[in-house]
Amino acid sequence: MNLLFVASEAHPYSKTGGLADVVGALARSLSKQGHRVGVFTPFYKSVRQKHPEIEPIEWFFDVPLGSGRGKGRLWAYDESPGLTFYFLEEREGAFERDGFYQEKGIDYQDNARRFIFFSKCAAHFARYAGWKPDLIHAHDWQAGLVPLFISDQKRQGVWDDAPPTLFTIHNLAYQGNFPTYDYELTNLSWDYFSVEGGVEFFGSMSCMKSGIVYSDAITTVSPNYAKEILDREMGCGMDGALRARRHVLTGILNGVDYSEWNTESNPFLKSSFSAFDLFGKNSAKRQLQSELGLPEESDIPLFATITRIVDQKGVDLLIETLKTILQRGADLQFCLLGSGAMDLERALEDLQDAYPDQVAARIGFDLGLSHRIEAGSDFYLMPSRFEPCGLNQLYSLRYGSIPIVHGIGGLQDSVIGPSENLADCNGFKFNEFIPSALAEQIENAMAVYTKPHLMKHLRENGMKADFSWNRSSAEYLDLYLKLLQRPH
């Protein structure tokens, strides 16, 4: 198959979160299986600076944007046979900025124009690319208008053989909603701007809703999240539109790139280990404790979190729970790596100051340290309020750091708690989003830590589990084939 991905991020070129990891890893997995994959993505300032291997090609864009025009050029890099990354340059510098979507927590005011232009160019490229994509896979709100632009051209009879479109929702909470006047930049009929037309969302233009309504099929990044977003509580206002299209909605759990996230040939780790030889896990723990300035005590359980420090990730719940447990004299250590909301960052630093021998908070991000935390910790805390899929619990499973999670979204799909099946158990789950429920599972984990045979059992179950992209890409391929067989 010839497959075109349209996404605002793609690892390792551009990344703010899991979207980039998924796009890059899935594209590579499919290309290795013999499919031709193109990834269409913005040519951000940081990409231009860090990747001199990307070169301009003879492909130019001049598209209408309301009463004006948007002009751009395409750059490309053939990463491997069958895999090409296409980078869109906007001639007026729309992507030539320090951030992708915002700076200092403030969204760019022209994001509607930037990503309408991006989506128009992607649809144009899909139509005229010499290698003719069989299917277009658009990701998240930044590419949500692509299915609409393609559908409109089919409706007008100017692109009768347009390929089917698949739209993946990575996080429904981020929707790309803009004022009504920005809709003029699409140059589409106002017939689309209504509740029935698919673009209008409580008086705004919604890129996310456009993708939901006009794609031929929809996926989310875990089976459980696909169910959750059909309900009002988790549907972020889109539940009605999603229920109307539930017959084409599928949940596919994200995969992990084990060539990067592994414990045996990892440049960031001094000690190697595996499910069949856990000796190096103990060494990794001592090394991590030393790096973080914590006492090197092997008989104390080390809990860890690597996260964006925001409410969605349950960091407020985590801080409140840890305060209570530590005040009661719990014999544990905790480390965190991440950045985000300043008030939560300060609260974590205050916790570290109050318990310097038990808490280590590192504000910022360090890729090498993230690997060492996964490898050196005994338990991984992930108390997210909501979590479409989550990747860190999958990394922690492979690294023998037993996850403790809120049983929602992809966390529910990937972590098996003792109450479900002790034989297959690989972690702990709590269902009520309250401090006492999280505290109970932390205490349960501490009890298991005193029983080496149980620790070994849970670690081995997690490390032997297959959450590779080979499994996930097979599910996507099956869906692609079904789409190609449907009449459009």
Foldseek 3Di string as FASTA:
>chain_A
DEEEEEEAAAPPQDDDDDVNVQVPQLLVLVVVVPAAYEYEYACAQSSVVPPVQKAWDPDKDWAFFQPHIWIWGWIWDDPDVRYMYIHIGTPVCPRHDPDSADDPPGGDPCLLVVLLVSLVVSLVCCQPPPVRGQEYEYEALSNLCNLVVQVVCCVVVNRVNRHAYEYEYAAQLDWAWAAPVSVSRNVDDCCLQDVVSQQDQPRTGTSNSSNLQRGPAYEYAAQQLLVVLLDPVRVNSCNVSCVVVVVRYGYFHGFDACVALAQADHPLDPFGAALVGCPSLLVLQQVLCVVQVADSDSLAAEEEEEDAQDVQQVLVLVLVLVVVCVVVPRRHAYEYEYYYDPVSLVSLVVVCVVPVNHYGYHYDDDVSSLSSCLQNGQAYEGAGPAGQADDVCLSSLQNLHQYEYECGHNCVVQADDCVRPLQLHQHHYFHDSHSVRSNVRVVVVSVVSVPVVSSSRNSSSSNPDGRHSVVRSVVVVVSSVVSSPDDD
